[in-house]
């Protein structure tokens, strides 16, 4: 594989997710996530909508929720289809 080839699994309006059964699905914003780590302004077990998805040099992915960026690993995505 060429070093210049970059695979993208996200744009600002969608996220590619691999389900537990190995199937891939594309989630388009806004999609719902569950807070699994309390973070400023969001309590644990709160369902919120992701308005956009961004790359971040430290956290890899960030979700834009209510105008603020949060690291993706503070949330759980439940895909039921």
PDB file of N, CA and C in Angstrom:
ATOM      1  N   UNK A   1       0.845  -1.174   0.000  1.00  0.00           N
ATOM      2  CA  UNK A   1       0.000   0.000   0.000  1.00  0.00           C
ATOM      3  C   UNK A   1       0.889   1.235   0.000  1.00  0.00           C
ATOM      4  N   UNK A   2       0.554   2.192  -0.790  1.00  0.00           N
ATOM      5  CA  UNK A   2       1.318   3.422  -0.883  1.00  0.00           C
ATOM      6  C   UNK A   2       1.169   4.252   0.384  1.00  0.00           C
ATOM      7  N   UNK A   3       2.258   4.894   0.798  1.00  0.00           N
ATOM      8  CA  UNK A   3       2.199   5.763   1.969  1.00  0.00           C
ATOM      9  C   UNK A   3       1.321   6.979   1.735  1.00  0.00           C
ATOM     10  N   UNK A   4       1.087   7.330   0.479  1.00  0.00           N
ATOM     11  CA  UNK A   4       0.267   8.497   0.179  1.00  0.00           C
ATOM     12  C   UNK A   4      -1.226   8.184   0.240  1.00  0.00           C
ATOM     13  N   UNK A   5      -1.576   6.911   0.315  1.00  0.00           N
ATOM     14  CA  UNK A   5      -2.981   6.518   0.379  1.00  0.00           C
ATOM     15  C   UNK A   5      -3.485   6.676   1.802  1.00  0.00           C
ATOM     16  N   UNK A   6      -4.553   7.444   1.973  1.00  0.00           N
ATOM     17  CA  UNK A   6      -5.132   7.641   3.299  1.00  0.00           C
ATOM     18  C   UNK A   6      -6.578   7.185   3.264  1.00  0.00           C
ATOM     19  N   UNK A   7      -6.925   6.356   4.201  1.00  0.00           N
ATOM     20  CA  UNK A   7      -8.296   5.885   4.300  1.00  0.00           C
ATOM     21  C   UNK A   7      -9.043   6.766   5.279  1.00  0.00           C
ATOM     22  N   UNK A   8     -10.234   7.191   4.895  1.00  0.00           N
ATOM     23  CA  UNK A   8     -11.029   8.058   5.753  1.00  0.00           C
ATOM     24  C   UNK A   8     -12.274   7.306   6.174  1.00  0.00           C
ATOM     25  N   UNK A   9     -12.575   7.332   7.447  1.00  0.00           N
ATOM     26  CA  UNK A   9     -13.764   6.682   7.960  1.00  0.00           C
ATOM     27  C   UNK A   9     -14.750   7.691   8.494  1.00  0.00           C
ATOM     28  N   UNK A  10     -14.498   8.952   8.207  1.00  0.00           N
ATOM     29  CA  UNK A  10     -15.355  10.003   8.734  1.00  0.00           C
ATOM     30  C   UNK A  10     -15.315  11.225   7.816  1.00  0.00           C
ATOM     31  N   UNK A  11     -16.430  11.912   7.728  1.00  0.00           N
ATOM     32  CA  UNK A  11     -16.489  13.272   7.197  1.00  0.00           C
ATOM     33  C   UNK A  11     -17.202  14.085   8.265  1.00  0.00           C
ATOM     34  N   UNK A  12     -17.383  15.364   8.030  1.00  0.00           N
ATOM     35  CA  UNK A  12     -18.064  16.150   9.056  1.00  0.00           C
ATOM     36  C   UNK A  12     -19.533  15.781   9.197  1.00  0.00           C
ATOM     37  N   UNK A  13     -20.099  15.102   8.198  1.00  0.00           N
ATOM     38  CA  UNK A  13     -21.522  14.769   8.264  1.00  0.00           C
ATOM     39  C   UNK A  13     -21.819  13.276   8.358  1.00  0.00           C
ATOM     40  N   UNK A  14     -20.792  12.420   8.398  1.00  0.00           N
ATOM     41  CA  UNK A  14     -21.058  10.988   8.533  1.00  0.00           C
ATOM     42  C   UNK A  14     -19.889  10.272   9.193  1.00  0.00           C
ATOM     43  N   UNK A  15     -20.201   9.094   9.727  1.00  0.00           N
ATOM     44  CA  UNK A  15     -19.213   8.279  10.429  1.00  0.00           C
ATOM     45  C   UNK A  15     -19.440   6.830  10.041  1.00  0.00           C
ATOM     46  N   UNK A  16     -18.381   6.135   9.669  1.00  0.00           N
ATOM     47  CA  UNK A  16     -18.449   4.716   9.343  1.00  0.00           C
ATOM     48  C   UNK A  16     -18.212   3.920  10.620  1.00  0.00           C
ATOM     49  N   UNK A  17     -19.162   3.049  10.969  1.00  0.00           N
ATOM     50  CA  UNK A  17     -19.112   2.282  12.212  1.00  0.00           C
ATOM     51  C   UNK A  17     -19.139   0.798  11.875  1.00  0.00           C
ATOM     52  N   UNK A  18     -18.298   0.013  12.541  1.00  0.00           N
ATOM     53  CA  UNK A  18     -18.313  -1.442  12.399  1.00  0.00           C
ATOM     54  C   UNK A  18     -19.075  -2.011  13.588  1.00  0.00           C
ATOM     55  N   UNK A  19     -20.174  -2.705  13.298  1.00  0.00           N
ATOM     56  CA  UNK A  19     -20.992  -3.295  14.353  1.00  0.00           C
ATOM     57  C   UNK A  19     -20.310  -4.542  14.913  1.00  0.00           C
ATOM     58  N   UNK A  20     -20.823  -5.052  16.040  1.00  0.00           N
ATOM     59  CA  UNK A  20     -20.243  -6.230  16.676  1.00  0.00           C
ATOM     60  C   UNK A  20     -20.276  -7.453  15.773  1.00  0.00           C
ATOM     61  N   UNK A  21     -21.244  -7.530  14.869  1.00  0.00           N
ATOM     62  CA  UNK A  21     -21.330  -8.674  13.961  1.00  0.00           C
ATOM     63  C   UNK A  21     -20.431  -8.511  12.729  1.00  0.00           C
ATOM     64  N   UNK A  22     -19.650  -7.427  12.682  1.00  0.00           N
ATOM     65  CA  UNK A  22     -18.716  -7.208  11.589  1.00  0.00           C
ATOM     66  C   UNK A  22     -19.269  -6.405  10.429  1.00  0.00           C
ATOM     67  N   UNK A  23     -20.557  -6.115  10.425  1.00  0.00           N
ATOM     68  CA  UNK A  23     -21.145  -5.327   9.346  1.00  0.00           C
ATOM     69  C   UNK A  23     -20.860  -3.851   9.569  1.00  0.00           C
ATOM     70  N   UNK A  24     -20.628  -3.158   8.451  1.00  0.00           N
ATOM     71  CA  UNK A  24     -20.375  -1.723   8.525  1.00  0.00           C
ATOM     72  C   UNK A  24     -21.643  -0.958   8.199  1.00  0.00           C
ATOM     73  N   UNK A  25     -21.851   0.126   8.933  1.00  0.00           N
ATOM     74  CA  UNK A  25     -22.973   1.016   8.668  1.00  0.00           C
ATOM     75  C   UNK A  25     -22.452   2.448   8.656  1.00  0.00           C
ATOM     76  N   UNK A  26     -23.135   3.285   7.917  1.00  0.00           N
ATOM     77  CA  UNK A  26     -22.796   4.703   7.876  1.00  0.00           C
ATOM     78  C   UNK A  26     -23.846   5.455   8.675  1.00  0.00           C
ATOM     79  N   UNK A  27     -23.391   6.235   9.643  1.00  0.00           N
ATOM     80  CA  UNK A  27     -24.280   7.090  10.418  1.00  0.00           C
ATOM     81  C   UNK A  27     -24.145   8.510   9.894  1.00  0.00           C
ATOM     82  N   UNK A  28     -25.274   9.114   9.566  1.00  0.00           N
ATOM     83  CA  UNK A  28     -25.282  10.491   9.094  1.00  0.00           C
ATOM     84  C   UNK A  28     -25.743  11.404  10.214  1.00  0.00           C
ATOM     85  N   UNK A  29     -25.121  12.563  10.317  1.00  0.00           N
ATOM     86  CA  UNK A  29     -25.508  13.514  11.350  1.00  0.00           C
ATOM     87  C   UNK A  29     -26.851  14.134  10.999  1.00  0.00           C
ATOM     88  N   UNK A  30     -27.637  14.450  12.008  1.00  0.00           N
ATOM     89  CA  UNK A  30     -27.397  14.205  13.422  1.00  0.00           C
ATOM     90  C   UNK A  30     -27.709  12.755  13.791  1.00  0.00           C
ATOM     91  N   UNK A  31     -26.829  12.137  14.589  1.00  0.00           N
ATOM     92  CA  UNK A  31     -27.108  10.813  15.146  1.00  0.00           C
ATOM     93  C   UNK A  31     -26.988  10.888  16.662  1.00  0.00           C
ATOM     94  N   UNK A  32     -27.650   9.950  17.324  1.00  0.00           N
ATOM     95  CA  UNK A  32     -27.752   9.980  18.783  1.00  0.00           C
ATOM     96  C   UNK A  32     -26.662   9.138  19.429  1.00  0.00           C
ATOM     97  N   UNK A  33     -26.106   9.646  20.530  1.00  0.00           N
ATOM     98  CA  UNK A  33     -25.110   8.921  21.317  1.00  0.00           C
ATOM     99  C   UNK A  33     -25.505   9.010  22.791  1.00  0.00           C
ATOM    100  N   UNK A  34     -24.926   8.117  23.585  1.00  0.00           N
ATOM    101  CA  UNK A  34     -25.179   8.064  25.020  1.00  0.00           C
ATOM    102  C   UNK A  34     -23.904   8.473  25.747  1.00  0.00           C
ATOM    103  N   UNK A  35     -24.015   9.403  26.691  1.00  0.00           N
ATOM    104  CA  UNK A  35     -22.860   9.838  27.478  1.00  0.00           C
ATOM    105  C   UNK A  35     -22.467   8.733  28.448  1.00  0.00           C
ATOM    106  N   UNK A  36     -21.209   8.275  28.390  1.00  0.00           N
ATOM    107  CA  UNK A  36     -20.748   7.223  29.301  1.00  0.00           C
ATOM    108  C   UNK A  36     -19.718   7.743  30.300  1.00  0.00           C
ATOM    109  N   UNK A  37     -19.227   8.959  30.083  1.00  0.00           N
ATOM    110  CA  UNK A  37     -18.308   9.614  31.011  1.00  0.00           C
ATOM    111  C   UNK A  37     -18.860  11.018  31.248  1.00  0.00           C
ATOM    112  N   UNK A  38     -19.089  11.401  32.509  1.00  0.00           N
ATOM    113  CA  UNK A  38     -19.602  12.754  32.744  1.00  0.00           C
ATOM    114  C   UNK A  38     -18.586  13.803  32.297  1.00  0.00           C
ATOM    115  N   UNK A  39     -19.064  14.790  31.606  1.00  0.00           N
ATOM    116  CA  UNK A  39     -18.209  15.856  31.086  1.00  0.00           C
ATOM    117  C   UNK A  39     -18.987  17.157  31.234  1.00  0.00           C
ATOM    118  N   UNK A  40     -18.292  18.270  31.302  1.00  0.00           N
ATOM    119  CA  UNK A  40     -18.960  19.537  31.577  1.00  0.00           C
ATOM    120  C   UNK A  40     -20.181  19.761  30.686  1.00  0.00           C
ATOM    121  N   UNK A  41     -21.290  20.026  31.327  1.00  0.00           N
ATOM    122  CA  UNK A  41     -22.531  20.272  30.612  1.00  0.00           C
ATOM    123  C   UNK A  41     -23.325  19.031  30.262  1.00  0.00           C
ATOM    124  N   UNK A  42     -22.747  17.843  30.392  1.00  0.00           N
ATOM    125  CA  UNK A  42     -23.440  16.600  30.063  1.00  0.00           C
ATOM    126  C   UNK A  42     -23.271  15.608  31.211  1.00  0.00           C
ATOM    127  N   UNK A  43     -24.377  15.072  31.689  1.00  0.00           N
ATOM    128  CA  UNK A  43     -24.306  14.074  32.752  1.00  0.00           C
ATOM    129  C   UNK A  43     -24.274  12.678  32.149  1.00  0.00           C
ATOM    130  N   UNK A  44     -23.836  11.722  32.934  1.00  0.00           N
ATOM    131  CA  UNK A  44     -23.737  10.339  32.476  1.00  0.00           C
ATOM    132  C   UNK A  44     -25.135   9.793  32.164  1.00  0.00           C
ATOM    133  N   UNK A  45     -25.219   8.919  31.180  1.00  0.00           N
ATOM    134  CA  UNK A  45     -26.452   8.274  30.724  1.00  0.00           C
ATOM    135  C   UNK A  45     -27.436   9.256  30.081  1.00  0.00           C
ATOM    136  N   UNK A  46     -26.923  10.357  29.544  1.00  0.00           N
ATOM    137  CA  UNK A  46     -27.744  11.321  28.826  1.00  0.00           C
ATOM    138  C   UNK A  46     -27.615  11.058  27.332  1.00  0.00           C
ATOM    139  N   UNK A  47     -28.750  11.020  26.629  1.00  0.00           N
ATOM    140  CA  UNK A  47     -28.707  10.858  25.179  1.00  0.00           C
ATOM    141  C   UNK A  47     -28.680  12.237  24.532  1.00  0.00           C
ATOM    142  N   UNK A  48     -27.729  12.420  23.628  1.00  0.00           N
ATOM    143  CA  UNK A  48     -27.565  13.695  22.934  1.00  0.00           C
ATOM    144  C   UNK A  48     -27.359  13.427  21.446  1.00  0.00           C
ATOM    145  N   UNK A  49     -27.516  14.468  20.652  1.00  0.00           N
ATOM    146  CA  UNK A  49     -27.330  14.345  19.208  1.00  0.00           C
ATOM    147  C   UNK A  49     -25.998  14.949  18.778  1.00  0.00           C
ATOM    148  N   UNK A  50     -25.296  14.220  17.916  1.00  0.00           N
ATOM    149  CA  UNK A  50     -24.040  14.687  17.331  1.00  0.00           C
ATOM    150  C   UNK A  50     -24.383  15.471  16.070  1.00  0.00           C
ATOM    151  N   UNK A  51     -23.967  16.736  16.042  1.00  0.00           N
ATOM    152  CA  UNK A  51     -24.256  17.601  14.902  1.00  0.00           C
ATOM    153  C   UNK A  51     -23.200  17.504  13.803  1.00  0.00           C
ATOM    154  N   UNK A  52     -21.963  17.169  14.184  1.00  0.00           N
ATOM    155  CA  UNK A  52     -20.873  17.029  13.215  1.00  0.00           C
ATOM    156  C   UNK A  52     -19.757  16.206  13.845  1.00  0.00           C
ATOM    157  N   UNK A  53     -18.883  15.657  12.993  1.00  0.00           N
ATOM    158  CA  UNK A  53     -17.756  14.835  13.437  1.00  0.00           C
ATOM    159  C   UNK A  53     -16.479  15.464  12.882  1.00  0.00           C
ATOM    160  N   UNK A  54     -15.443  15.573  13.733  1.00  0.00           N
ATOM    161  CA  UNK A  54     -14.194  16.208  13.326  1.00  0.00           C
ATOM    162  C   UNK A  54     -12.999  15.359  13.721  1.00  0.00           C
ATOM    163  N   UNK A  55     -11.925  15.457  12.929  1.00  0.00           N
ATOM    164  CA  UNK A  55     -10.635  14.868  13.304  1.00  0.00           C
ATOM    165  C   UNK A  55      -9.985  15.789  14.327  1.00  0.00           C
ATOM    166  N   UNK A  56      -9.301  15.217  15.294  1.00  0.00           N
ATOM    167  CA  UNK A  56      -8.566  15.997  16.287  1.00  0.00           C
ATOM    168  C   UNK A  56      -7.216  15.332  16.495  1.00  0.00           C
ATOM    169  N   UNK A  57      -6.155  16.103  16.547  1.00  0.00           N
ATOM    170  CA  UNK A  57      -4.806  15.533  16.645  1.00  0.00           C
ATOM    171  C   UNK A  57      -4.581  14.759  17.937  1.00  0.00           C
ATOM    172  N   UNK A  58      -5.253  15.124  19.020  1.00  0.00           N
ATOM    173  CA  UNK A  58      -5.050  14.436  20.301  1.00  0.00           C
ATOM    174  C   UNK A  58      -6.059  13.312  20.523  1.00  0.00           C
ATOM    175  N   UNK A  59      -7.327  13.572  20.235  1.00  0.00           N
ATOM    176  CA  UNK A  59      -8.382  12.602  20.536  1.00  0.00           C
ATOM    177  C   UNK A  59      -8.783  11.748  19.339  1.00  0.00           C
ATOM    178  N   UNK A  60      -8.222  11.990  18.189  1.00  0.00           N
ATOM    179  CA  UNK A  60      -8.545  11.317  16.932  1.00  0.00           C
ATOM    180  C   UNK A  60      -9.882  11.774  16.371  1.00  0.00           C
ATOM    181  N   UNK A  61     -10.969  11.609  17.109  1.00  0.00           N
ATOM    182  CA  UNK A  61     -12.289  12.060  16.662  1.00  0.00           C
ATOM    183  C   UNK A  61     -12.932  12.896  17.751  1.00  0.00           C
ATOM    184  N   UNK A  62     -13.652  13.913  17.315  1.00  0.00           N
ATOM    185  CA  UNK A  62     -14.450  14.706  18.247  1.00  0.00           C
ATOM    186  C   UNK A  62     -15.849  14.851  17.675  1.00  0.00           C
ATOM    187  N   UNK A  63     -16.816  14.886  18.578  1.00  0.00           N
ATOM    188  CA  UNK A  63     -18.207  15.095  18.204  1.00  0.00           C
ATOM    189  C   UNK A  63     -18.600  16.524  18.562  1.00  0.00           C
ATOM    190  N   UNK A  64     -19.275  17.194  17.645  1.00  0.00           N
ATOM    191  CA  UNK A  64     -19.828  18.513  17.917  1.00  0.00           C
ATOM    192  C   UNK A  64     -21.233  18.315  18.454  1.00  0.00           C
ATOM    193  N   UNK A  65     -21.432  18.702  19.715  1.00  0.00           N
ATOM    194  CA  UNK A  65     -22.720  18.538  20.392  1.00  0.00           C
ATOM    195  C   UNK A  65     -23.081  19.872  21.023  1.00  0.00           C
ATOM    196  N   UNK A  66     -24.223  20.410  20.648  1.00  0.00           N
ATOM    197  CA  UNK A  66     -24.686  21.702  21.172  1.00  0.00           C
ATOM    198  C   UNK A  66     -23.620  22.792  21.049  1.00  0.00           C
ATOM    199  N   UNK A  67     -22.905  22.798  19.925  1.00  0.00           N
ATOM    200  CA  UNK A  67     -21.928  23.837  19.659  1.00  0.00           C
ATOM    201  C   UNK A  67     -20.574  23.661  20.322  1.00  0.00           C
ATOM    202  N   UNK A  68     -20.350  22.521  20.989  1.00  0.00           N
ATOM    203  CA  UNK A  68     -19.086  22.286  21.692  1.00  0.00           C
ATOM    204  C   UNK A  68     -18.494  20.952  21.257  1.00  0.00           C
ATOM    205  N   UNK A  69     -17.152  20.882  21.139  1.00  0.00           N
ATOM    206  CA  UNK A  69     -16.474  19.649  20.743  1.00  0.00           C
ATOM    207  C   UNK A  69     -16.151  18.789  21.959  1.00  0.00           C
ATOM    208  N   UNK A  70     -16.437  17.484  21.831  1.00  0.00           N
ATOM    209  CA  UNK A  70     -16.149  16.509  22.879  1.00  0.00           C
ATOM    210  C   UNK A  70     -15.426  15.316  22.257  1.00  0.00           C
ATOM    211  N   UNK A  71     -14.460  14.699  22.966  1.00  0.00           N
ATOM    212  CA  UNK A  71     -13.813  13.486  22.456  1.00  0.00           C
ATOM    213  C   UNK A  71     -14.834  12.360  22.276  1.00  0.00           C
ATOM    214  N   UNK A  72     -14.673  11.584  21.222  1.00  0.00           N
ATOM    215  CA  UNK A  72     -15.620  10.517  20.896  1.00  0.00           C
ATOM    216  C   UNK A  72     -15.731   9.468  21.992  1.00  0.00           C
ATOM    217  N   UNK A  73     -14.652   9.218  22.738  1.00  0.00           N
ATOM    218  CA  UNK A  73     -14.662   8.119  23.704  1.00  0.00           C
ATOM    219  C   UNK A  73     -15.444   8.440  24.971  1.00  0.00           C
ATOM    220  N   UNK A  74     -16.058   9.613  25.050  1.00  0.00           N
ATOM    221  CA  UNK A  74     -16.952   9.936  26.162  1.00  0.00           C
ATOM    222  C   UNK A  74     -18.364   9.419  25.896  1.00  0.00           C
ATOM    223  N   UNK A  75     -18.571   8.828  24.722  1.00  0.00           N
ATOM    224  CA  UNK A  75     -19.919   8.461  24.289  1.00  0.00           C
ATOM    225  C   UNK A  75     -19.980   7.033  23.758  1.00  0.00           C
ATOM    226  N   UNK A  76     -21.176   6.492  23.791  1.00  0.00           N
ATOM    227  CA  UNK A  76     -21.447   5.167  23.231  1.00  0.00           C
ATOM    228  C   UNK A  76     -22.446   5.340  22.099  1.00  0.00           C
ATOM    229  N   UNK A  77     -22.169   4.684  20.986  1.00  0.00           N
ATOM    230  CA  UNK A  77     -23.079   4.711  19.841  1.00  0.00           C
ATOM    231  C   UNK A  77     -23.840   3.397  19.833  1.00  0.00           C
ATOM    232  N   UNK A  78     -25.150   3.474  19.860  1.00  0.00           N
ATOM    233  CA  UNK A  78     -25.987   2.274  19.784  1.00  0.00           C
ATOM    234  C   UNK A  78     -26.601   2.194  18.396  1.00  0.00           C
ATOM    235  N   UNK A  79     -26.212   1.182  17.642  1.00  0.00           N
ATOM    236  CA  UNK A  79     -26.728   0.974  16.294  1.00  0.00           C
ATOM    237  C   UNK A  79     -27.664  -0.218  16.345  1.00  0.00           C
ATOM    238  N   UNK A  80     -28.936  -0.006  15.998  1.00  0.00           N
ATOM    239  CA  UNK A  80     -29.923  -1.074  16.148  1.00  0.00           C
ATOM    240  C   UNK A  80     -30.442  -1.611  14.819  1.00  0.00           C
ATOM    241  N   UNK A  81     -29.786  -1.308  13.712  1.00  0.00           N
ATOM    242  CA  UNK A  81     -30.245  -1.831  12.421  1.00  0.00           C
ATOM    243  C   UNK A  81     -29.165  -2.617  11.755  1.00  0.00           C
TER     244      UNK A  81
END
